[in-house]
N, C-alpha and C. Protein backbone atom coordinates (compact mmCIF):
# COMPACT_ATOMS: atom_id res chain seq x y z
N UNK A 1 -24.61 -7.72 -11.51
CA UNK A 1 -23.16 -7.71 -11.67
C UNK A 1 -22.49 -7.60 -10.31
N UNK A 2 -21.37 -8.30 -10.16
CA UNK A 2 -20.57 -8.20 -8.95
C UNK A 2 -19.14 -7.84 -9.35
N UNK A 3 -18.31 -7.61 -8.36
CA UNK A 3 -16.90 -7.34 -8.58
C UNK A 3 -16.26 -8.46 -9.41
N UNK A 4 -16.69 -9.68 -9.19
CA UNK A 4 -16.10 -10.82 -9.89
C UNK A 4 -16.37 -10.81 -11.40
N UNK A 5 -17.34 -10.01 -11.85
CA UNK A 5 -17.69 -9.96 -13.27
C UNK A 5 -16.93 -8.88 -14.04
N UNK A 6 -16.16 -8.05 -13.35
CA UNK A 6 -15.47 -6.92 -13.97
C UNK A 6 -14.22 -7.41 -14.72
N UNK A 7 -13.98 -6.81 -15.88
CA UNK A 7 -12.78 -7.10 -16.67
C UNK A 7 -11.67 -6.13 -16.27
N UNK A 8 -10.48 -6.66 -15.98
CA UNK A 8 -9.33 -5.82 -15.63
C UNK A 8 -8.08 -6.60 -16.01
N UNK A 9 -6.98 -5.89 -16.15
CA UNK A 9 -5.70 -6.54 -16.46
C UNK A 9 -4.83 -6.55 -15.22
N UNK A 10 -3.85 -7.45 -15.21
CA UNK A 10 -2.88 -7.46 -14.12
C UNK A 10 -1.86 -6.36 -14.35
N UNK A 11 -0.90 -6.25 -13.48
CA UNK A 11 0.08 -5.18 -13.53
C UNK A 11 0.84 -5.14 -14.86
N UNK A 12 0.93 -6.29 -15.51
CA UNK A 12 1.69 -6.36 -16.77
C UNK A 12 0.79 -6.37 -18.00
N UNK A 13 -0.50 -6.05 -17.81
CA UNK A 13 -1.40 -5.92 -18.94
C UNK A 13 -2.06 -7.20 -19.41
N UNK A 14 -1.82 -8.30 -18.72
CA UNK A 14 -2.48 -9.56 -19.07
C UNK A 14 -3.83 -9.61 -18.36
N UNK A 15 -4.84 -10.23 -18.98
CA UNK A 15 -6.15 -10.30 -18.33
C UNK A 15 -6.05 -10.93 -16.93
N UNK A 16 -6.70 -10.29 -15.98
CA UNK A 16 -6.79 -10.82 -14.61
C UNK A 16 -8.25 -11.15 -14.38
N UNK A 17 -8.56 -12.42 -14.27
CA UNK A 17 -9.93 -12.88 -14.13
C UNK A 17 -10.35 -12.77 -12.66
N UNK A 18 -11.15 -11.75 -12.36
CA UNK A 18 -11.58 -11.57 -10.96
C UNK A 18 -12.50 -12.69 -10.50
N UNK A 19 -13.01 -13.48 -11.44
CA UNK A 19 -13.80 -14.66 -11.05
C UNK A 19 -12.95 -15.66 -10.27
N UNK A 20 -11.61 -15.56 -10.42
CA UNK A 20 -10.72 -16.42 -9.64
C UNK A 20 -10.86 -16.17 -8.14
N UNK A 21 -11.38 -14.99 -7.78
CA UNK A 21 -11.55 -14.63 -6.38
C UNK A 21 -12.91 -15.10 -5.84
N UNK A 22 -13.75 -15.64 -6.71
CA UNK A 22 -15.06 -16.14 -6.28
C UNK A 22 -14.82 -17.24 -5.25
N UNK A 23 -15.56 -17.18 -4.16
CA UNK A 23 -15.39 -18.15 -3.09
C UNK A 23 -14.38 -17.72 -2.03
N UNK A 24 -13.73 -16.59 -2.26
CA UNK A 24 -12.75 -16.05 -1.32
C UNK A 24 -13.15 -14.64 -0.91
N UNK A 25 -12.68 -14.21 0.24
CA UNK A 25 -12.82 -12.81 0.65
C UNK A 25 -11.62 -12.06 0.07
N UNK A 26 -11.85 -10.83 -0.37
CA UNK A 26 -10.79 -10.04 -1.00
C UNK A 26 -10.82 -8.63 -0.45
N UNK A 27 -9.65 -8.09 -0.16
CA UNK A 27 -9.53 -6.69 0.24
C UNK A 27 -8.91 -5.94 -0.94
N UNK A 28 -9.72 -5.12 -1.60
CA UNK A 28 -9.28 -4.35 -2.77
C UNK A 28 -8.82 -2.99 -2.27
N UNK A 29 -7.58 -2.61 -2.63
CA UNK A 29 -6.97 -1.39 -2.11
C UNK A 29 -6.32 -0.61 -3.24
N UNK A 30 -6.69 0.68 -3.39
CA UNK A 30 -5.96 1.51 -4.36
C UNK A 30 -4.66 1.96 -3.71
N UNK A 31 -3.55 1.61 -4.37
CA UNK A 31 -2.23 1.76 -3.77
C UNK A 31 -1.38 2.77 -4.53
N UNK A 32 -0.35 3.27 -3.85
CA UNK A 32 0.60 4.21 -4.44
C UNK A 32 1.94 4.05 -3.74
N UNK A 33 3.02 4.22 -4.49
CA UNK A 33 4.37 3.99 -3.98
C UNK A 33 5.01 5.19 -3.29
N UNK A 34 4.47 6.38 -3.51
CA UNK A 34 5.11 7.59 -2.98
C UNK A 34 4.16 8.39 -2.11
N UNK A 35 3.42 7.71 -1.27
CA UNK A 35 2.40 8.32 -0.42
C UNK A 35 2.83 8.15 1.05
N UNK A 36 2.40 9.07 1.89
CA UNK A 36 2.66 8.93 3.32
C UNK A 36 2.06 7.65 3.89
N UNK A 37 1.06 7.11 3.21
CA UNK A 37 0.41 5.88 3.68
C UNK A 37 1.03 4.62 3.06
N UNK A 38 2.01 4.77 2.20
CA UNK A 38 2.64 3.63 1.53
C UNK A 38 3.12 2.54 2.49
N UNK A 39 3.60 2.86 3.70
CA UNK A 39 4.00 1.78 4.62
C UNK A 39 2.86 0.79 4.93
N UNK A 40 1.61 1.12 4.60
CA UNK A 40 0.52 0.16 4.78
C UNK A 40 0.73 -1.10 3.95
N UNK A 41 1.58 -1.02 2.92
CA UNK A 41 1.90 -2.23 2.16
C UNK A 41 2.35 -3.36 3.08
N UNK A 42 3.13 -3.05 4.11
CA UNK A 42 3.60 -4.08 5.05
C UNK A 42 2.43 -4.78 5.72
N UNK A 43 1.50 -4.02 6.24
CA UNK A 43 0.33 -4.59 6.91
C UNK A 43 -0.57 -5.35 5.95
N UNK A 44 -0.70 -4.85 4.73
CA UNK A 44 -1.51 -5.56 3.74
C UNK A 44 -0.88 -6.91 3.41
N UNK A 45 0.44 -6.94 3.26
CA UNK A 45 1.12 -8.21 2.99
C UNK A 45 0.96 -9.16 4.18
N UNK A 46 1.04 -8.64 5.41
CA UNK A 46 0.85 -9.50 6.59
C UNK A 46 -0.55 -10.10 6.60
N UNK A 47 -1.58 -9.29 6.29
CA UNK A 47 -2.94 -9.82 6.21
C UNK A 47 -3.03 -10.91 5.15
N UNK A 48 -2.46 -10.60 4.00
CA UNK A 48 -2.50 -11.55 2.88
C UNK A 48 -1.89 -12.89 3.29
N UNK A 49 -0.73 -12.84 3.91
CA UNK A 49 -0.05 -14.07 4.33
C UNK A 49 -0.82 -14.78 5.44
N UNK A 50 -1.33 -14.02 6.40
CA UNK A 50 -2.01 -14.61 7.56
C UNK A 50 -3.27 -15.37 7.19
N UNK A 51 -4.03 -14.83 6.22
CA UNK A 51 -5.34 -15.41 5.90
C UNK A 51 -5.42 -16.12 4.55
N UNK A 52 -4.34 -16.16 3.80
CA UNK A 52 -4.37 -16.75 2.44
C UNK A 52 -4.88 -18.18 2.45
N UNK A 53 -4.46 -18.96 3.43
CA UNK A 53 -4.87 -20.37 3.45
C UNK A 53 -6.30 -20.56 3.95
N UNK A 54 -6.96 -19.46 4.31
CA UNK A 54 -8.36 -19.52 4.75
C UNK A 54 -9.30 -18.89 3.73
N UNK A 55 -8.81 -18.65 2.51
CA UNK A 55 -9.67 -18.11 1.47
C UNK A 55 -9.71 -16.60 1.44
N UNK A 56 -8.54 -15.96 1.49
CA UNK A 56 -8.47 -14.50 1.48
C UNK A 56 -7.31 -14.04 0.61
N UNK A 57 -7.51 -12.89 -0.03
CA UNK A 57 -6.44 -12.25 -0.79
C UNK A 57 -6.59 -10.74 -0.72
N UNK A 58 -5.46 -10.06 -0.72
CA UNK A 58 -5.43 -8.63 -0.97
C UNK A 58 -5.30 -8.48 -2.48
N UNK A 59 -5.92 -7.45 -3.04
CA UNK A 59 -5.75 -7.11 -4.44
C UNK A 59 -5.35 -5.64 -4.50
N UNK A 60 -4.11 -5.39 -4.90
CA UNK A 60 -3.59 -4.03 -5.00
C UNK A 60 -3.94 -3.42 -6.35
N UNK A 61 -4.41 -2.16 -6.31
CA UNK A 61 -4.82 -1.47 -7.53
C UNK A 61 -4.07 -0.15 -7.62
N UNK A 62 -2.95 -0.11 -8.35
CA UNK A 62 -2.19 1.14 -8.47
C UNK A 62 -3.01 2.24 -9.13
N UNK A 63 -2.85 3.45 -8.59
CA UNK A 63 -3.57 4.61 -9.10
C UNK A 63 -2.69 5.85 -8.92
N UNK A 64 -2.64 6.70 -9.92
CA UNK A 64 -1.81 7.90 -9.89
C UNK A 64 -2.65 9.17 -9.81
N UNK A 65 -3.89 9.07 -9.33
CA UNK A 65 -4.79 10.22 -9.32
C UNK A 65 -4.65 11.12 -8.10
N UNK A 66 -3.88 10.74 -7.12
CA UNK A 66 -3.79 11.51 -5.89
C UNK A 66 -2.37 12.04 -5.73
N UNK A 67 -2.17 13.26 -6.10
CA UNK A 67 -0.87 13.90 -5.95
C UNK A 67 0.23 13.28 -6.81
N UNK A 68 -0.14 12.55 -7.86
CA UNK A 68 0.87 11.94 -8.73
C UNK A 68 1.78 10.98 -7.97
N UNK A 69 1.22 10.28 -6.97
CA UNK A 69 2.05 9.47 -6.07
C UNK A 69 2.29 8.03 -6.54
N UNK A 70 1.83 7.71 -7.76
CA UNK A 70 2.13 6.41 -8.35
C UNK A 70 2.50 6.61 -9.82
N UNK A 71 3.65 7.31 -10.05
CA UNK A 71 4.03 7.65 -11.43
C UNK A 71 4.74 6.53 -12.19
N UNK A 72 5.13 5.48 -11.50
CA UNK A 72 6.00 4.46 -12.08
C UNK A 72 5.36 3.60 -13.15
N UNK A 73 6.23 2.92 -13.89
CA UNK A 73 5.80 1.90 -14.84
C UNK A 73 5.42 0.64 -14.06
N UNK A 74 4.82 -0.31 -14.75
CA UNK A 74 4.47 -1.58 -14.11
C UNK A 74 5.70 -2.23 -13.49
N UNK A 75 6.81 -2.20 -14.21
CA UNK A 75 8.04 -2.81 -13.71
C UNK A 75 8.55 -2.09 -12.46
N UNK A 76 8.49 -0.76 -12.48
CA UNK A 76 8.94 0.02 -11.32
C UNK A 76 8.05 -0.23 -10.11
N UNK A 77 6.76 -0.31 -10.32
CA UNK A 77 5.81 -0.58 -9.23
C UNK A 77 6.09 -1.96 -8.64
N UNK A 78 6.22 -2.96 -9.52
CA UNK A 78 6.47 -4.33 -9.05
C UNK A 78 7.79 -4.41 -8.27
N UNK A 79 8.83 -3.80 -8.80
CA UNK A 79 10.15 -3.82 -8.15
C UNK A 79 10.07 -3.15 -6.77
N UNK A 80 9.44 -1.99 -6.70
CA UNK A 80 9.31 -1.26 -5.44
C UNK A 80 8.55 -2.10 -4.41
N UNK A 81 7.41 -2.63 -4.81
CA UNK A 81 6.56 -3.37 -3.87
C UNK A 81 7.22 -4.64 -3.37
N UNK A 82 7.87 -5.38 -4.27
CA UNK A 82 8.48 -6.63 -3.84
C UNK A 82 9.76 -6.39 -3.06
N UNK A 83 10.57 -5.43 -3.49
CA UNK A 83 11.85 -5.18 -2.82
C UNK A 83 11.66 -4.48 -1.48
N UNK A 84 10.81 -3.46 -1.45
CA UNK A 84 10.65 -2.66 -0.24
C UNK A 84 9.73 -3.30 0.79
N UNK A 85 8.65 -3.93 0.32
CA UNK A 85 7.64 -4.44 1.25
C UNK A 85 7.38 -5.94 1.13
N UNK A 86 8.07 -6.63 0.25
CA UNK A 86 7.88 -8.08 0.12
C UNK A 86 6.51 -8.47 -0.37
N UNK A 87 5.88 -7.61 -1.15
CA UNK A 87 4.50 -7.86 -1.60
C UNK A 87 4.43 -9.10 -2.49
N UNK A 88 3.52 -9.99 -2.14
CA UNK A 88 3.27 -11.18 -2.95
C UNK A 88 1.83 -11.22 -3.46
N UNK A 89 0.97 -10.33 -2.96
CA UNK A 89 -0.43 -10.37 -3.39
C UNK A 89 -0.57 -9.83 -4.82
N UNK A 90 -1.63 -10.21 -5.52
CA UNK A 90 -1.81 -9.77 -6.90
C UNK A 90 -2.03 -8.26 -7.01
N UNK A 91 -1.56 -7.73 -8.14
CA UNK A 91 -1.72 -6.30 -8.43
C UNK A 91 -2.35 -6.17 -9.82
N UNK A 92 -3.22 -5.18 -9.96
CA UNK A 92 -3.83 -4.91 -11.26
C UNK A 92 -3.00 -3.88 -12.02
N UNK A 93 -3.43 -3.63 -13.24
CA UNK A 93 -2.89 -2.52 -14.02
C UNK A 93 -3.18 -1.21 -13.28
N UNK A 94 -2.45 -0.16 -13.60
CA UNK A 94 -2.71 1.15 -13.03
C UNK A 94 -3.99 1.70 -13.67
N UNK A 95 -4.93 2.14 -12.84
CA UNK A 95 -6.22 2.61 -13.36
C UNK A 95 -6.61 3.93 -12.70
N UNK A 96 -7.71 4.50 -13.19
CA UNK A 96 -8.33 5.65 -12.56
C UNK A 96 -9.48 5.16 -11.70
N UNK A 97 -9.57 5.69 -10.48
CA UNK A 97 -10.62 5.27 -9.55
C UNK A 97 -11.71 6.33 -9.40
N UNK A 98 -11.47 7.53 -9.92
CA UNK A 98 -12.44 8.63 -9.87
C UNK A 98 -12.58 9.26 -11.25
N UNK A 99 -13.62 10.06 -11.40
CA UNK A 99 -13.79 10.87 -12.61
C UNK A 99 -14.36 10.10 -13.79
N UNK A 100 -14.30 10.77 -14.95
CA UNK A 100 -14.87 10.21 -16.17
C UNK A 100 -14.20 8.92 -16.59
N UNK A 101 -12.92 8.76 -16.24
CA UNK A 101 -12.19 7.55 -16.60
C UNK A 101 -12.23 6.47 -15.54
N UNK A 102 -13.14 6.62 -14.55
CA UNK A 102 -13.22 5.63 -13.46
C UNK A 102 -13.40 4.23 -14.04
N UNK A 103 -12.53 3.32 -13.62
CA UNK A 103 -12.58 1.94 -14.08
C UNK A 103 -13.87 1.28 -13.58
N UNK A 104 -14.44 0.36 -14.38
CA UNK A 104 -15.67 -0.34 -13.95
C UNK A 104 -15.54 -1.01 -12.57
N UNK A 105 -14.34 -1.47 -12.20
CA UNK A 105 -14.17 -2.05 -10.86
C UNK A 105 -14.56 -1.03 -9.80
N UNK A 106 -14.10 0.20 -9.96
CA UNK A 106 -14.40 1.23 -8.97
C UNK A 106 -15.80 1.81 -9.14
N UNK A 107 -16.40 1.66 -10.31
CA UNK A 107 -17.82 2.01 -10.45
C UNK A 107 -18.63 1.11 -9.55
N UNK A 108 -18.24 -0.14 -9.47
CA UNK A 108 -18.92 -1.12 -8.62
C UNK A 108 -18.61 -0.88 -7.13
N UNK A 109 -17.32 -0.71 -6.81
CA UNK A 109 -16.91 -0.58 -5.42
C UNK A 109 -17.43 0.69 -4.74
N UNK A 110 -17.42 1.82 -5.45
CA UNK A 110 -17.72 3.10 -4.81
C UNK A 110 -19.19 3.30 -4.48
N UNK A 111 -20.03 2.34 -4.79
CA UNK A 111 -21.42 2.44 -4.35
C UNK A 111 -21.54 2.12 -2.86
N UNK A 112 -20.53 1.46 -2.29
CA UNK A 112 -20.54 1.09 -0.87
C UNK A 112 -20.17 2.29 -0.01
N UNK A 113 -20.72 2.32 1.20
CA UNK A 113 -20.42 3.38 2.17
C UNK A 113 -19.51 2.86 3.26
N UNK A 114 -18.69 3.77 3.82
CA UNK A 114 -17.86 3.40 4.96
C UNK A 114 -18.64 3.65 6.26
N UNK A 115 -17.99 3.46 7.39
CA UNK A 115 -18.64 3.59 8.69
C UNK A 115 -19.20 5.00 8.92
N UNK A 116 -18.58 5.99 8.29
CA UNK A 116 -19.05 7.38 8.44
C UNK A 116 -20.13 7.73 7.42
N UNK A 117 -20.48 6.78 6.56
CA UNK A 117 -21.52 7.02 5.57
C UNK A 117 -21.00 7.56 4.24
N UNK A 118 -19.68 7.66 4.07
CA UNK A 118 -19.13 8.15 2.81
C UNK A 118 -19.22 7.09 1.73
N UNK A 119 -19.81 7.46 0.61
CA UNK A 119 -19.78 6.61 -0.58
C UNK A 119 -19.36 7.50 -1.74
N UNK A 120 -19.24 6.92 -2.91
CA UNK A 120 -18.83 7.71 -4.06
C UNK A 120 -17.32 7.79 -4.17
N UNK A 121 -16.82 8.95 -4.60
CA UNK A 121 -15.41 9.11 -4.93
C UNK A 121 -14.45 8.61 -3.86
N UNK A 122 -13.35 8.04 -4.34
CA UNK A 122 -12.24 7.64 -3.49
C UNK A 122 -11.60 8.93 -2.99
N UNK A 123 -11.27 8.99 -1.71
CA UNK A 123 -10.73 10.22 -1.12
C UNK A 123 -9.22 10.31 -1.21
N UNK A 124 -8.52 9.18 -1.18
CA UNK A 124 -7.07 9.20 -1.21
C UNK A 124 -6.56 7.79 -1.45
N UNK A 125 -5.26 7.64 -1.56
CA UNK A 125 -4.63 6.33 -1.69
C UNK A 125 -4.95 5.47 -0.47
N UNK A 126 -4.97 4.17 -0.69
CA UNK A 126 -5.14 3.16 0.37
C UNK A 126 -6.55 3.13 0.97
N UNK A 127 -7.56 3.51 0.19
CA UNK A 127 -8.94 3.24 0.59
C UNK A 127 -9.17 1.75 0.34
N UNK A 128 -9.91 1.10 1.24
CA UNK A 128 -10.02 -0.35 1.22
C UNK A 128 -11.47 -0.80 1.11
N UNK A 129 -11.69 -1.85 0.30
CA UNK A 129 -13.02 -2.43 0.13
C UNK A 129 -12.93 -3.92 0.39
N UNK A 130 -13.75 -4.40 1.30
CA UNK A 130 -13.82 -5.83 1.60
C UNK A 130 -14.91 -6.44 0.72
N UNK A 131 -14.51 -7.37 -0.11
CA UNK A 131 -15.44 -8.04 -1.03
C UNK A 131 -15.64 -9.46 -0.54
N UNK A 132 -16.89 -9.86 -0.42
CA UNK A 132 -17.21 -11.20 0.07
C UNK A 132 -17.00 -12.27 -0.98
N UNK A 133 -17.07 -13.52 -0.57
CA UNK A 133 -16.87 -14.65 -1.48
C UNK A 133 -17.83 -14.65 -2.67
N UNK A 134 -18.99 -13.99 -2.52
CA UNK A 134 -19.96 -13.93 -3.62
C UNK A 134 -19.77 -12.71 -4.52
N UNK A 135 -18.75 -11.88 -4.23
CA UNK A 135 -18.46 -10.73 -5.08
C UNK A 135 -19.14 -9.44 -4.67
N UNK A 136 -19.90 -9.47 -3.58
CA UNK A 136 -20.55 -8.24 -3.12
C UNK A 136 -19.62 -7.47 -2.19
N UNK A 137 -19.76 -6.15 -2.20
CA UNK A 137 -18.95 -5.31 -1.33
C UNK A 137 -19.56 -5.33 0.06
N UNK A 138 -18.78 -5.80 1.04
CA UNK A 138 -19.26 -5.95 2.40
C UNK A 138 -18.94 -4.76 3.29
N UNK A 139 -17.82 -4.10 3.02
CA UNK A 139 -17.39 -3.00 3.89
C UNK A 139 -16.41 -2.11 3.12
N UNK A 140 -16.36 -0.85 3.56
CA UNK A 140 -15.44 0.13 3.00
C UNK A 140 -14.71 0.79 4.16
N UNK A 141 -13.40 0.95 4.00
CA UNK A 141 -12.58 1.54 5.05
C UNK A 141 -11.76 2.69 4.46
N UNK A 142 -11.71 3.79 5.18
CA UNK A 142 -10.98 4.97 4.74
C UNK A 142 -9.49 4.72 4.66
N UNK A 143 -8.79 5.63 3.97
CA UNK A 143 -7.35 5.48 3.76
C UNK A 143 -6.52 5.35 5.03
N UNK A 144 -6.92 6.02 6.10
CA UNK A 144 -6.12 5.99 7.33
C UNK A 144 -6.43 4.78 8.22
N UNK A 145 -7.42 3.98 7.85
CA UNK A 145 -7.69 2.74 8.57
C UNK A 145 -6.58 1.77 8.18
N UNK A 146 -5.79 1.39 9.16
CA UNK A 146 -4.64 0.53 8.89
C UNK A 146 -5.07 -0.93 8.72
N UNK A 147 -4.27 -1.72 8.02
CA UNK A 147 -4.62 -3.12 7.81
C UNK A 147 -4.79 -3.93 9.09
N UNK A 148 -4.19 -3.48 10.19
CA UNK A 148 -4.34 -4.22 11.46
C UNK A 148 -5.43 -3.64 12.35
N UNK A 149 -6.21 -2.69 11.83
CA UNK A 149 -7.30 -2.10 12.60
C UNK A 149 -8.27 -3.20 13.04
N UNK A 150 -8.64 -3.24 14.33
CA UNK A 150 -9.52 -4.32 14.83
C UNK A 150 -10.85 -4.43 14.07
N UNK A 151 -11.44 -3.31 13.66
CA UNK A 151 -12.71 -3.39 12.92
C UNK A 151 -12.50 -4.02 11.55
N UNK A 152 -11.42 -3.66 10.88
CA UNK A 152 -11.14 -4.24 9.57
C UNK A 152 -10.86 -5.74 9.72
N UNK A 153 -10.05 -6.12 10.68
CA UNK A 153 -9.71 -7.54 10.88
C UNK A 153 -10.97 -8.34 11.24
N UNK A 154 -11.82 -7.79 12.08
CA UNK A 154 -13.06 -8.49 12.46
C UNK A 154 -13.96 -8.68 11.23
N UNK A 155 -14.09 -7.65 10.41
CA UNK A 155 -14.91 -7.76 9.20
C UNK A 155 -14.32 -8.79 8.24
N UNK A 156 -13.00 -8.78 8.11
CA UNK A 156 -12.31 -9.73 7.24
C UNK A 156 -12.56 -11.17 7.73
N UNK A 157 -12.38 -11.38 9.03
CA UNK A 157 -12.57 -12.73 9.57
C UNK A 157 -14.01 -13.20 9.40
N UNK A 158 -14.97 -12.28 9.55
CA UNK A 158 -16.39 -12.65 9.37
C UNK A 158 -16.69 -12.97 7.91
N UNK A 159 -15.92 -12.40 6.97
CA UNK A 159 -16.16 -12.61 5.55
C UNK A 159 -15.49 -13.87 4.99
N UNK A 160 -14.57 -14.45 5.74
CA UNK A 160 -13.87 -15.63 5.26
C UNK A 160 -14.86 -16.74 4.97
N UNK A 161 -14.63 -17.49 3.90
CA UNK A 161 -15.53 -18.61 3.62
C UNK A 161 -15.49 -19.61 4.76
N UNK A 162 -16.63 -20.21 5.05
CA UNK A 162 -16.65 -21.19 6.15
C UNK A 162 -15.85 -22.42 5.73
N UNK A 163 -15.25 -23.05 6.70
CA UNK A 163 -14.38 -24.20 6.42
C UNK A 163 -15.12 -25.52 6.53
N UNK A 164 -16.44 -25.44 6.44
CA UNK A 164 -17.24 -26.68 6.53
C UNK A 164 -17.05 -27.52 5.30
């Protein structure tokens, strides 16, 4: 099983087929609207726009498990993200990323380790997972790693599908 095989809904509850991301690199990020790290939405949107035509997408995953920082409805989340940060990348339904209710997407993602060797539970909002075109998790980045971090950008560029 890969990330592309997981069943999830979009922000409005309609099925989101992650197989659509097959052949592309994807940065999966658990997001929140009322977090000190929320301004990362700007950088995520810039990455999304910069690399979209080369086979890349950001996938935002709202989660309210960290300090209740994503309490909004789907409509409120969408309005906030588009109005405040101009977000155009796809967003999933609000899910749990830790604990007994951990969504299967995060059961798959959290097996990967970051540069410091951390795997398992998500530590905070805006933890990032780079998924390769084949659906395997290539890299994990902590919440404070910004979208323009040179290591993240280098990993993203290396994961892009070849243009041959």
